[in-house]
C-alpha atoms as a PDB file:
ATOM      1  CA  MET A   1     195.176  37.872 -38.364  1.00  0.00           C
ATOM      2  CA  THR A   2     195.070  37.865 -34.556  1.00  0.00           C
ATOM      3  CA  ARG A   3     197.319  40.397 -32.768  1.00  0.00           C
ATOM      4  CA  SER A   4     198.881  39.052 -29.554  1.00  0.00           C
ATOM      5  CA  ARG A   5     198.541  41.199 -26.439  1.00  0.00           C
ATOM      6  CA  ALA A   6     201.831  42.463 -25.041  1.00  0.00           C
ATOM      7  CA  HIS A   7     202.664  41.026 -21.547  1.00  0.00           C
ATOM      8  CA  ARG A   8     202.191  43.657 -18.847  1.00  0.00           C
ATOM      9  CA  GLY A   9     204.751  43.593 -15.928  1.00  0.00           C
ATOM     10  CA  PHE A  10     204.197  44.646 -12.310  1.00  0.00           C
ATOM     11  CA  THR A  11     203.800  48.321 -11.675  1.00  0.00           C
ATOM     12  CA  ILE A  12     205.927  50.030  -9.021  1.00  0.00           C
ATOM     13  CA  ILE A  13     202.897  50.362  -6.760  1.00  0.00           C
ATOM     14  CA  GLU A  14     202.110  46.648  -7.041  1.00  0.00           C
ATOM     15  CA  MET A  15     205.704  45.741  -6.228  1.00  0.00           C
ATOM     16  CA  MET A  16     205.652  48.045  -3.213  1.00  0.00           C
ATOM     17  CA  VAL A  17     202.457  46.394  -1.953  1.00  0.00           C
ATOM     18  CA  VAL A  18     204.042  42.932  -2.272  1.00  0.00           C
ATOM     19  CA  ILE A  19     207.169  44.083  -0.422  1.00  0.00           C
ATOM     20  CA  ILE A  20     205.044  45.610   2.362  1.00  0.00           C
ATOM     21  CA  ILE A  21     203.024  42.390   2.724  1.00  0.00           C
ATOM     22  CA  ILE A  22     206.217  40.305   2.911  1.00  0.00           C
ATOM     23  CA  GLY A  23     207.586  42.707   5.526  1.00  0.00           C
ATOM     24  CA  ILE A  24     204.435  42.378   7.623  1.00  0.00           C
ATOM     25  CA  LEU A  25     204.571  38.575   7.437  1.00  0.00           C
ATOM     26  CA  LEU A  26     208.208  38.549   8.447  1.00  0.00           C
ATOM     27  CA  GLY A  27     207.404  40.912  11.309  1.00  0.00           C
ATOM     28  CA  LEU A  28     204.729  38.501  12.539  1.00  0.00           C
ATOM     29  CA  LEU A  29     206.996  35.475  12.243  1.00  0.00           C
ATOM     30  CA  ALA A  30     210.122  37.006  13.797  1.00  0.00           C
ATOM     31  CA  PRO A  31     208.902  37.057  17.441  1.00  0.00           C
ATOM     32  CA  ALA A  32     207.706  33.447  17.195  1.00  0.00           C
ATOM     33  CA  LEU A  33     211.012  32.283  15.710  1.00  0.00           C
ATOM     34  CA  SER A  34     212.920  34.301  18.300  1.00  0.00           C
ATOM     35  CA  GLY A  35     210.851  32.722  21.079  1.00  0.00           C
ATOM     36  CA  VAL A  36     211.552  29.208  19.795  1.00  0.00           C
ATOM     37  CA  LYS A  37     215.268  29.959  19.621  1.00  0.00           C
ATOM     38  CA  ARG A  38     215.255  31.429  23.145  1.00  0.00           C
ATOM     39  CA  GLN A  39     213.463  28.413  24.597  1.00  0.00           C
ATOM     40  CA  ALA A  40     215.978  26.088  22.937  1.00  0.00           C
ATOM     41  CA  ALA A  41     218.828  28.110  24.457  1.00  0.00           C
ATOM     42  CA  ILE A  42     217.217  27.945  27.912  1.00  0.00           C
ATOM     43  CA  ARG A  43     216.792  24.171  27.634  1.00  0.00           C
ATOM     44  CA  ALA A  44     220.461  23.800  26.688  1.00  0.00           C
ATOM     45  CA  GLU A  45     221.483  26.074  29.567  1.00  0.00           C
ATOM     46  CA  GLN A  46     219.462  24.024  32.043  1.00  0.00           C
ATOM     47  CA  ALA A  47     220.906  20.774  30.688  1.00  0.00           C
ATOM     48  CA  ASN A  48     224.361  22.198  31.447  1.00  0.00           C
ATOM     49  CA  LEU A  49     223.217  23.012  34.986  1.00  0.00           C
ATOM     50  CA  ARG A  50     222.151  19.399  35.484  1.00  0.00           C
ATOM     51  CA  THR A  51     225.586  18.224  34.358  1.00  0.00           C
ATOM     52  CA  LEU A  52     227.232  20.728  36.694  1.00  0.00           C
ATOM     53  CA  HIS A  53     225.096  19.588  39.628  1.00  0.00           C
ATOM     54  CA  GLN A  54     225.930  15.959  38.944  1.00  0.00           C
ATOM     55  CA  ALA A  55     229.646  16.781  39.077  1.00  0.00           C
ATOM     56  CA  TRP A  56     229.092  18.730  42.304  1.00  0.00           C
ATOM     57  CA  MET A  57     227.425  15.656  43.814  1.00  0.00           C
ATOM     58  CA  PHE A  58     230.320  13.433  42.665  1.00  0.00           C
ATOM     59  CA  TYR A  59     232.696  15.815  44.431  1.00  0.00           C
ATOM     60  CA  ALA A  60     230.696  15.565  47.666  1.00  0.00           C
ATOM     61  CA  LYS A  61     230.667  11.754  47.499  1.00  0.00           C
ATOM     62  CA  SER A  62     234.436  11.767  47.028  1.00  0.00           C
ATOM     63  CA  PHE A  63     234.892  13.859  50.195  1.00  0.00           C
ATOM     64  CA  ASP A  64     232.473  12.244  52.663  1.00  0.00           C
ATOM     65  CA  ASP A  65     229.498  14.495  51.871  1.00  0.00           C
ATOM     66  CA  ALA A  66     231.565  17.717  52.125  1.00  0.00           C
ATOM     67  CA  ALA A  67     230.277  20.612  50.033  1.00  0.00           C
ATOM     68  CA  MET A  68     232.846  21.776  47.508  1.00  0.00           C
ATOM     69  CA  PRO A  69     234.679  24.879  48.826  1.00  0.00           C
ATOM     70  CA  GLY A  70     233.479  28.015  47.110  1.00  0.00           C
ATOM     71  CA  TYR A  71     236.853  29.732  46.834  1.00  0.00           C
ATOM     72  CA  LEU A  72     240.407  28.927  48.005  1.00  0.00           C
ATOM     73  CA  ASN A  73     242.999  31.686  48.155  1.00  0.00           C
ATOM     74  CA  GLU A  74     246.573  30.833  47.206  1.00  0.00           C
ATOM     75  CA  ASP A  75     247.797  30.388  50.790  1.00  0.00           C
ATOM     76  CA  VAL A  76     245.013  27.918  51.559  1.00  0.00           C
ATOM     77  CA  GLN A  77     245.837  26.009  48.380  1.00  0.00           C
ATOM     78  CA  SER A  78     249.464  25.763  49.527  1.00  0.00           C
ATOM     79  CA  VAL A  79     248.593  24.581  53.055  1.00  0.00           C
ATOM     80  CA  TRP A  80     246.164  21.979  51.716  1.00  0.00           C
ATOM     81  CA  GLY A  81     248.569  20.840  48.990  1.00  0.00           C
ATOM     82  CA  LEU A  82     246.009  21.476  46.246  1.00  0.00           C
ATOM     83  CA  ASN A  83     247.116  19.945  42.960  1.00  0.00           C
ATOM     84  CA  THR A  84     244.511  20.711  40.300  1.00  0.00           C
ATOM     85  CA  LYS A  85     245.323  19.716  36.732  1.00  0.00           C
ATOM     86  CA  LEU A  86     244.490  21.239  33.358  1.00  0.00           C
ATOM     87  CA  PRO A  87     243.153  18.928  30.616  1.00  0.00           C
ATOM     88  CA  ASN A  88     246.713  18.683  29.201  1.00  0.00           C
ATOM     89  CA  ASN A  89     247.842  17.431  32.652  1.00  0.00           C
ATOM     90  CA  ALA A  90     249.755  20.611  33.452  1.00  0.00           C
ATOM     91  CA  ALA A  91     249.191  22.171  36.874  1.00  0.00           C
ATOM     92  CA  VAL A  92     246.521  24.856  37.159  1.00  0.00           C
ATOM     93  CA  PRO A  93     248.245  28.131  38.183  1.00  0.00           C
ATOM     94  CA  PRO A  94     247.350  29.023  41.815  1.00  0.00           C
ATOM     95  CA  GLN A  95     245.669  32.269  40.739  1.00  0.00           C
ATOM     96  CA  ALA A  96     243.345  30.208  38.519  1.00  0.00           C
ATOM     97  CA  ALA A  97     242.644  27.446  41.063  1.00  0.00           C
ATOM     98  CA  GLY A  98     240.806  29.636  43.555  1.00  0.00           C
ATOM     99  CA  PRO A  99     237.375  29.508  41.834  1.00  0.00           C
ATOM    100  CA  TYR A 100     235.517  26.203  41.620  1.00  0.00           C
ATOM    101  CA  THR A 101     235.852  25.935  37.838  1.00  0.00           C
ATOM    102  CA  TRP A 102     238.949  23.786  37.336  1.00  0.00           C
ATOM    103  CA  ARG A 103     238.396  21.826  40.539  1.00  0.00           C
ATOM    104  CA  LEU A 104     234.988  20.651  39.352  1.00  0.00           C
ATOM    105  CA  LEU A 105     235.856  20.082  35.698  1.00  0.00           C
ATOM    106  CA  GLU A 106     237.716  16.870  36.483  1.00  0.00           C
ATOM    107  CA  TYR A 107     234.388  15.479  37.731  1.00  0.00           C
ATOM    108  CA  MET A 108     232.861  16.311  34.331  1.00  0.00           C
ATOM    109  CA  SER A 109     235.541  14.581  32.254  1.00  0.00           C
ATOM    110  CA  ASP A 110     236.864  18.046  31.310  1.00  0.00           C
ATOM    111  CA  ASN A 111     233.657  18.887  29.425  1.00  0.00           C
ATOM    112  CA  VAL A 112     234.511  22.587  29.121  1.00  0.00           C
ATOM    113  CA  SER A 113     231.468  23.347  26.953  1.00  0.00           C
ATOM    114  CA  VAL A 114     229.255  23.156  30.068  1.00  0.00           C
ATOM    115  CA  LEU A 115     230.970  26.233  31.486  1.00  0.00           C
ATOM    116  CA  GLY A 116     232.475  27.836  28.395  1.00  0.00           C
ATOM    117  CA  GLY A 117     230.038  26.951  25.618  1.00  0.00           C
ATOM    118  CA  TYR A 118     228.336  30.334  25.876  1.00  0.00           C
ATOM    119  CA  ARG A 119     231.624  31.776  24.548  1.00  0.00           C
ATOM    120  CA  ASP A 120     232.116  28.970  22.019  1.00  0.00           C
ATOM    121  CA  ILE A 121     234.747  27.276  24.206  1.00  0.00           C
ATOM    122  CA  ASN A 122     234.241  23.580  23.540  1.00  0.00           C
ATOM    123  CA  ASP A 123     237.747  22.127  23.245  1.00  0.00           C
ATOM    124  CA  PRO A 124     239.438  21.298  26.596  1.00  0.00           C
ATOM    125  CA  LEU A 125     242.843  21.939  25.004  1.00  0.00           C
ATOM    126  CA  ASP A 126     241.851  25.349  23.674  1.00  0.00           C
ATOM    127  CA  VAL A 127     240.316  27.313  26.549  1.00  0.00           C
ATOM    128  CA  GLY A 128     242.681  30.280  26.318  1.00  0.00           C
ATOM    129  CA  ASN A 129     243.839  31.906  29.541  1.00  0.00           C
ATOM    130  CA  PRO A 130     243.191  29.429  32.427  1.00  0.00           C
ATOM    131  CA  ARG A 131     242.506  32.275  34.857  1.00  0.00           C
ATOM    132  CA  THR A 132     239.952  33.972  32.611  1.00  0.00           C
ATOM    133  CA  PHE A 133     238.196  30.657  32.038  1.00  0.00           C
ATOM    134  CA  ALA A 134     238.209  30.000  35.802  1.00  0.00           C
ATOM    135  CA  GLU A 135     236.787  33.399  36.698  1.00  0.00           C
ATOM    136  CA  GLU A 136     234.153  33.637  33.949  1.00  0.00           C
ATOM    137  CA  PRO A 137     232.245  30.354  33.664  1.00  0.00           C
ATOM    138  CA  ALA A 138     228.616  30.414  32.569  1.00  0.00           C
ATOM    139  CA  PHE A 139     227.350  29.787  36.112  1.00  0.00           C
ATOM    140  CA  GLY A 140     228.131  31.222  39.512  1.00  0.00           C
ATOM    141  CA  TYR A 141     228.456  29.055  42.626  1.00  0.00           C
ATOM    142  CA  ASN A 142     226.691  30.063  45.857  1.00  0.00           C
ATOM    143  CA  ALA A 143     230.218  30.188  47.236  1.00  0.00           C
ATOM    144  CA  LEU A 144     229.772  32.338  50.343  1.00  0.00           C
ATOM    145  CA  TYR A 145     227.047  30.150  51.810  1.00  0.00           C
ATOM    146  CA  ILE A 146     227.796  26.669  50.451  1.00  0.00           C
ATOM    147  CA  GLY A 147     231.290  25.230  50.906  1.00  0.00           C
ATOM    148  CA  GLY A 148     232.681  28.538  52.113  1.00  0.00           C
ATOM    149  CA  TRP A 149     235.023  31.286  50.927  1.00  0.00           C
ATOM    150  CA  TRP A 150     238.401  30.217  52.339  1.00  0.00           C
ATOM    151  CA  GLN A 151     241.339  32.392  53.345  1.00  0.00           C
ATOM    152  CA  MET A 152     244.134  32.320  55.921  1.00  0.00           C
ATOM    153  CA  GLU A 153     243.621  33.848  59.355  1.00  0.00           C
ATOM    154  CA  THR A 154     245.828  33.945  62.430  1.00  0.00           C
ATOM    155  CA  ILE A 155     244.225  31.874  65.173  1.00  0.00           C
ATOM    156  CA  GLY A 156     246.125  31.408  68.422  1.00  0.00           C
ATOM    157  CA  GLY A 157     249.193  32.877  66.795  1.00  0.00           C
ATOM    158  CA  ASN A 158     249.125  30.372  63.937  1.00  0.00           C
ATOM    159  CA  PRO A 159     248.081  30.964  60.295  1.00  0.00           C
ATOM    160  CA  THR A 160     245.022  28.746  59.785  1.00  0.00           C
ATOM    161  CA  PRO A 161     242.650  28.149  56.859  1.00  0.00           C
ATOM    162  CA  ARG A 162     239.235  29.571  57.735  1.00  0.00           C
ATOM    163  CA  TYR A 163     236.123  30.343  55.779  1.00  0.00           C
ATOM    164  CA  ARG A 164     234.233  33.612  55.912  1.00  0.00           C
ATOM    165  CA  PHE A 165     231.250  33.714  58.303  1.00  0.00           C
ATOM    166  CA  ALA A 166     232.576  30.704  60.232  1.00  0.00           C
ATOM    167  CA  ASN A 167     231.238  32.138  63.500  1.00  0.00           C
ATOM    168  CA  ALA A 168     228.430  34.270  62.120  1.00  0.00           C
ATOM    169  CA  ARG A 169     225.614  35.210  64.483  1.00  0.00           C
ATOM    170  CA  ALA A 170     222.093  36.153  63.524  1.00  0.00           C
ATOM    171  CA  ASP A 171     221.061  39.798  63.422  1.00  0.00           C
ATOM    172  CA  ARG A 172     217.344  39.061  63.461  1.00  0.00           C
ATOM    173  CA  ASP A 173     216.244  42.668  63.955  1.00  0.00           C
ATOM    174  CA  GLY A 174     218.745  44.329  61.598  1.00  0.00           C
ATOM    175  CA  ASP A 175     219.983  46.575  64.409  1.00  0.00           C
ATOM    176  CA  GLY A 176     223.531  45.233  64.554  1.00  0.00           C
ATOM    177  CA  VAL A 177     222.905  43.387  67.817  1.00  0.00           C
ATOM    178  CA  PRO A 178     223.565  39.625  67.611  1.00  0.00           C
ATOM    179  CA  ASN A 179     220.756  37.443  68.885  1.00  0.00           C
ATOM    180  CA  GLU A 180     222.370  34.024  68.821  1.00  0.00           C
ATOM    181  CA  ARG A 181     225.013  31.888  67.138  1.00  0.00           C
ATOM    182  CA  TYR A 182     223.639  30.920  63.770  1.00  0.00           C
ATOM    183  CA  GLY A 183     225.567  28.729  61.310  1.00  0.00           C
ATOM    184  CA  VAL A 184     225.018  30.243  57.883  1.00  0.00           C
ATOM    185  CA  VAL A 185     227.574  28.360  55.753  1.00  0.00           C
ATOM    186  CA  ALA A 186     226.689  24.797  54.758  1.00  0.00           C
ATOM    187  CA  ARG A 187     229.857  22.705  54.927  1.00  0.00           C
ATOM    188  CA  SER A 188     228.117  19.430  54.099  1.00  0.00           C
ATOM    189  CA  LEU A 189     225.123  18.454  52.001  1.00  0.00           C
ATOM    190  CA  ALA A 190     223.420  16.872  55.025  1.00  0.00           C
ATOM    191  CA  GLN A 191     223.164  20.298  56.665  1.00  0.00           C
ATOM    192  CA  ILE A 192     220.864  21.609  53.950  1.00  0.00           C
ATOM    193  CA  GLU A 193     217.305  20.636  54.871  1.00  0.00           C
ATOM    194  CA  ARG A 194     215.482  22.750  52.272  1.00  0.00           C
ATOM    195  CA  SER A 195     217.287  21.050  49.403  1.00  0.00           C
ATOM    196  CA  SER A 196     214.572  21.815  46.837  1.00  0.00           C
ATOM    197  CA  GLU A 197     214.756  25.556  47.588  1.00  0.00           C
ATOM    198  CA  VAL A 198     218.412  26.438  48.243  1.00  0.00           C
ATOM    199  CA  ILE A 199     220.350  27.376  45.112  1.00  0.00           C
ATOM    200  CA  VAL A 200     223.768  25.875  44.318  1.00  0.00           C
ATOM    201  CA  PHE A 201     224.504  27.419  40.896  1.00  0.00           C
ATOM    202  CA  SER A 202     222.842  30.150  38.875  1.00  0.00           C
ATOM    203  CA  GLY A 203     223.492  32.415  35.930  1.00  0.00           C
ATOM    204  CA  SER A 204     225.823  35.145  37.192  1.00  0.00           C
ATOM    205  CA  THR A 205     227.822  38.164  36.064  1.00  0.00           C
ATOM    206  CA  HIS A 206     230.117  40.614  37.871  1.00  0.00           C
ATOM    207  CA  ARG A 207     228.870  44.204  37.975  1.00  0.00           C
ATOM    208  CA  PRO A 208     229.954  47.549  39.455  1.00  0.00           C
ATOM    209  CA  PRO A 209     227.351  49.682  41.275  1.00  0.00           C
ATOM    210  CA  GLY A 210     224.548  51.014  39.098  1.00  0.00           C
ATOM    211  CA  PHE A 211     221.053  50.427  37.714  1.00  0.00           C
ATOM    212  CA  TYR A 212     220.918  47.697  35.089  1.00  0.00           C
ATOM    213  CA  LYS A 213     217.997  46.770  32.906  1.00  0.00           C
ATOM    214  CA  ILE A 214     217.053  43.116  33.171  1.00  0.00           C
ATOM    215  CA  ASN A 215     217.869  41.336  29.921  1.00  0.00           C
ATOM    216  CA  GLN A 216     218.961  43.505  27.068  1.00  0.00           C
ATOM    217  CA  SER A 217     218.567  41.598  23.806  1.00  0.00           C
ATOM    218  CA  ASN A 218     222.347  41.635  23.206  1.00  0.00           C
ATOM    219  CA  GLN A 219     223.419  40.530  26.692  1.00  0.00           C
ATOM    220  CA  ARG A 220     224.207  36.937  25.832  1.00  0.00           C
ATOM    221  CA  GLU A 221     227.892  37.501  25.194  1.00  0.00           C
ATOM    222  CA  PHE A 222     228.438  39.173  28.563  1.00  0.00           C
ATOM    223  CA  PRO A 223     230.992  37.289  30.733  1.00  0.00           C
ATOM    224  CA  GLY A 224     229.762  35.004  33.479  1.00  0.00           C
ATOM    225  CA  SER A 225     231.222  34.883  36.989  1.00  0.00           C
ATOM    226  CA  HIS A 226     232.434  31.985  39.131  1.00  0.00           C
ATOM    227  CA  TYR A 227     230.298  32.978  42.114  1.00  0.00           C
ATOM    228  CA  VAL A 228     226.991  34.660  42.860  1.00  0.00           C
ATOM    229  CA  VAL A 229     225.729  36.453  45.952  1.00  0.00           C
ATOM    230  CA  PRO A 230     222.279  36.850  47.512  1.00  0.00           C
ATOM    231  CA  PRO A 231     220.786  40.333  47.759  1.00  0.00           C
ATOM    232  CA  ILE A 232     222.027  40.746  51.345  1.00  0.00           C
ATOM    233  CA  VAL A 233     225.534  39.652  52.346  1.00  0.00           C
ATOM    234  CA  ALA A 234     225.856  39.641  56.142  1.00  0.00           C
ATOM    235  CA  ARG A 235     224.049  42.927  56.942  1.00  0.00           C
ATOM    236  CA  ASP A 236     224.733  44.848  53.718  1.00  0.00           C
ATOM    237  CA  VAL A 237     222.427  45.017  50.703  1.00  0.00           C
ATOM    238  CA  HIS A 238     224.490  44.203  47.599  1.00  0.00           C
ATOM    239  CA  TRP A 239     221.691  44.217  45.045  1.00  0.00           C
ATOM    240  CA  GLN A 240     217.947  44.687  44.879  1.00  0.00           C
ATOM    241  CA  LEU A 241     215.177  44.635  42.315  1.00  0.00           C
ATOM    242  CA  THR A 242     213.665  48.002  41.512  1.00  0.00           C
ATOM    243  CA  SER A 243     211.489  49.808  38.996  1.00  0.00           C
ATOM    244  CA  ARG A 244     212.134  53.529  38.686  1.00  0.00           C
ATOM    245  CA  PRO A 245     209.408  56.030  37.731  1.00  0.00           C
ATOM    246  CA  LEU A 246     209.257  57.616  34.289  1.00  0.00           C
ATOM    247  CA  ALA A 247     211.599  60.552  33.911  1.00  0.00           C
ATOM    248  CA  SER A 248     209.870  63.900  33.387  1.00  0.00           C
ATOM    249  CA  ALA A 249     209.875  65.478  29.930  1.00  0.00           C
ATOM    250  CA  GLY A 250     213.151  67.177  29.162  1.00  0.00           C
ATOM    251  CA  SER A 251     214.977  65.352  31.986  1.00  0.00           C
ATOM    252  CA  PHE A 252     215.356  61.790  30.768  1.00  0.00           C
ATOM    253  CA  GLY A 253     217.879  60.084  33.025  1.00  0.00           C
ATOM    254  CA  LEU A 254     220.518  57.934  31.399  1.00  0.00           C
ATOM    255  CA  ILE A 255     221.451  54.674  33.095  1.00  0.00           C
ATOM    256  CA  PRO A 256     223.948  51.934  32.139  1.00  0.00           C
ATOM    257  CA  ASN A 257     222.598  48.606  30.994  1.00  0.00           C
ATOM    258  CA  PHE A 258     224.416  45.279  31.380  1.00  0.00           C
ATOM    259  CA  LEU A 259     226.732  46.144  28.503  1.00  0.00           C
ATOM    260  CA  GLY A 260     227.691  49.507  29.977  1.00  0.00           C
ATOM    261  CA  GLN A 261     225.672  51.316  27.311  1.00  0.00           C
ATOM    262  CA  GLN A 262     223.297  54.173  28.133  1.00  0.00           C
ATOM    263  CA  ILE A 263     219.522  53.789  28.029  1.00  0.00           C
ATOM    264  CA  ARG A 264     216.709  56.107  29.094  1.00  0.00           C
ATOM    265  CA  ALA A 265     215.035  55.651  32.449  1.00  0.00           C
ATOM    266  CA  GLY A 266     211.323  54.975  32.241  1.00  0.00           C
ATOM    267  CA  GLY A 267     209.679  52.512  34.603  1.00  0.00           C
ATOM    268  CA  LEU A 268     212.021  49.706  33.541  1.00  0.00           C
ATOM    269  CA  ASP A 269     212.563  46.411  35.362  1.00  0.00           C
ATOM    270  CA  GLU A 270     216.012  46.956  36.777  1.00  0.00           C
ATOM    271  CA  ILE A 271     218.456  45.453  39.197  1.00  0.00           C
ATOM    272  CA  ASP A 272     220.074  48.019  41.464  1.00  0.00           C
ATOM    273  CA  VAL A 273     223.638  46.953  42.333  1.00  0.00           C
ATOM    274  CA  LEU A 274     224.788  48.819  45.418  1.00  0.00           C
ATOM    275  CA  VAL A 275     228.094  46.997  46.027  1.00  0.00           C
ATOM    276  CA  GLU A 276     230.341  45.743  43.223  1.00  0.00           C
ATOM    277  CA  ASP A 277     229.838  41.998  43.182  1.00  0.00           C
ATOM    278  CA  SER A 278     228.625  38.996  41.170  1.00  0.00           C
ATOM    279  CA  VAL A 279     224.846  39.060  40.845  1.00  0.00           C
ATOM    280  CA  PRO A 280     222.208  36.769  39.292  1.00  0.00           C
ATOM    281  CA  TYR A 281     222.079  37.070  35.526  1.00  0.00           C
ATOM    282  CA  ALA A 282     219.424  36.167  32.943  1.00  0.00           C
ATOM    283  CA  ARG A 283     221.340  35.245  29.805  1.00  0.00           C
ATOM    284  CA  PHE A 284     218.164  34.344  27.901  1.00  0.00           C
ATOM    285  CA  GLY A 285     214.833  35.998  28.600  1.00  0.00           C
ATOM    286  CA  LYS A 286     214.004  37.677  31.899  1.00  0.00           C
ATOM    287  CA  GLN A 287     214.437  34.713  34.235  1.00  0.00           C
ATOM    288  CA  VAL A 288     217.607  33.242  35.706  1.00  0.00           C
ATOM    289  CA  SER A 289     218.432  29.574  35.218  1.00  0.00           C
ATOM    290  CA  VAL A 290     219.318  27.918  38.534  1.00  0.00           C
ATOM    291  CA  VAL A 291     219.878  24.473  40.011  1.00  0.00           C
ATOM    292  CA  HIS A 292     218.984  23.621  43.598  1.00  0.00           C
ATOM    293  CA  VAL A 293     220.721  21.329  46.069  1.00  0.00           C
ATOM    294  CA  ASP A 294     218.403  18.418  45.202  1.00  0.00           C
ATOM    295  CA  GLY A 295     219.234  18.762  41.498  1.00  0.00           C
ATOM    296  CA  SER A 296     215.974  20.388  40.432  1.00  0.00           C
ATOM    297  CA  VAL A 297     216.461  22.982  37.699  1.00  0.00           C
ATOM    298  CA  ALA A 298     214.263  26.044  37.289  1.00  0.00           C
ATOM    299  CA  SER A 299     213.922  29.471  35.737  1.00  0.00           C
ATOM    300  CA  GLU A 300     213.629  31.911  38.642  1.00  0.00           C
ATOM    301  CA  THR A 301     212.390  35.490  38.528  1.00  0.00           C
ATOM    302  CA  PHE A 302     214.520  38.172  40.120  1.00  0.00           C
ATOM    303  CA  SER A 303     211.701  38.751  42.608  1.00  0.00           C
ATOM    304  CA  SER A 304     212.018  35.143  43.725  1.00  0.00           C
ATOM    305  CA  LEU A 305     215.807  35.405  43.967  1.00  0.00           C
ATOM    306  CA  ALA A 306     215.481  38.437  46.246  1.00  0.00           C
ATOM    307  CA  ASP A 307     214.494  36.010  49.042  1.00  0.00           C
ATOM    308  CA  GLN A 308     217.459  35.233  51.331  1.00  0.00           C
ATOM    309  CA  ARG A 309     216.050  31.758  52.012  1.00  0.00           C
ATOM    310  CA  LYS A 310     216.905  30.846  48.422  1.00  0.00           C
ATOM    311  CA  TRP A 311     220.592  31.275  49.218  1.00  0.00           C
ATOM    312  CA  ILE A 312     221.195  30.585  52.908  1.00  0.00           C
ATOM    313  CA  HIS A 313     220.163  27.180  54.224  1.00  0.00           C
ATOM    314  CA  SER A 314     219.531  28.448  57.763  1.00  0.00           C
ATOM    315  CA  ALA A 315     217.797  31.730  56.854  1.00  0.00           C
ATOM    316  CA  ASN A 316     214.358  32.040  58.424  1.00  0.00           C
ATOM    317  CA  ALA A 317     213.162  35.226  56.704  1.00  0.00           C
ATOM    318  CA  SER A 318     213.239  36.718  53.216  1.00  0.00           C
ATOM    319  CA  ASP A 319     215.313  39.652  54.532  1.00  0.00           C
ATOM    320  CA  PHE A 320     217.539  37.537  56.804  1.00  0.00           C
ATOM    321  CA  ARG A 321     220.726  39.213  58.027  1.00  0.00           C
ATOM    322  CA  HIS A 322     223.676  38.056  60.087  1.00  0.00           C
ATOM    323  CA  LEU A 323     226.832  39.574  61.519  1.00  0.00           C
ATOM    324  CA  GLU A 324     230.188  39.056  59.831  1.00  0.00           C
ATOM    325  CA  ASP A 325     231.523  36.870  62.659  1.00  0.00           C
END
């Protein structure tokens, strides 16, 4: 009579080895899968920029080649009789009509996902607070230097709409002495000769002063901003790219990242915000998605965006400065 051998199961050590191998394989696959997902997100982001640029061009064609105003304060809206509508045909509140957001949406058939999709806002009738949506779209407009930032000023005793830097003069040497009259704000598309270089829209977020690490892995939910500024506004540096040295042992400096959390200093790629403002923002990866005047879309490094010629159509140097007026 033949005795059958009892079936032997896995030992604990064998099971541990299998689990370790699976963990290693998953560790190898995770970066590749993450990279594929990131590239898909960047492609979607750039597709939205193309749609946004197309709407911006439609706006210009509707107004004899005029560049869309970057910002309109409430008094300017009143003088110009601005009548922007929400998707439900109700009037946009004046405090929400200043940014470009609602003014340009009507040229995109109210496709709110282009500007709000990063926050899962895809229904034009369910955008929440109109002002929040207006102030925090996915992309910032180069509002100071294209179209203009409009407010009311008294000219000849009369309140008159006027954009910032309307009479700006070049400060070529950075010494505060004007050299010549130098138009820095493009009011029409025809004015912009370097159309493949000058940026119209880019990823943007509003930040207080501080050092911020470029692209934390959990940054993607951070609010956008309706405008974006170059590193130098007039004569003042608003932001710059920097890399700080490693902190010495026992004296690790703590700095805020883009989510306001604290991280240790240590030779990190950082953006140094000196003046509270809306700065370029990489929502995916370490490069910022932008669209230029000619409609070309690109992923720009922060080093590239530190060049003033990327933002000001008449700038003739990477560190170009001008006087306020």
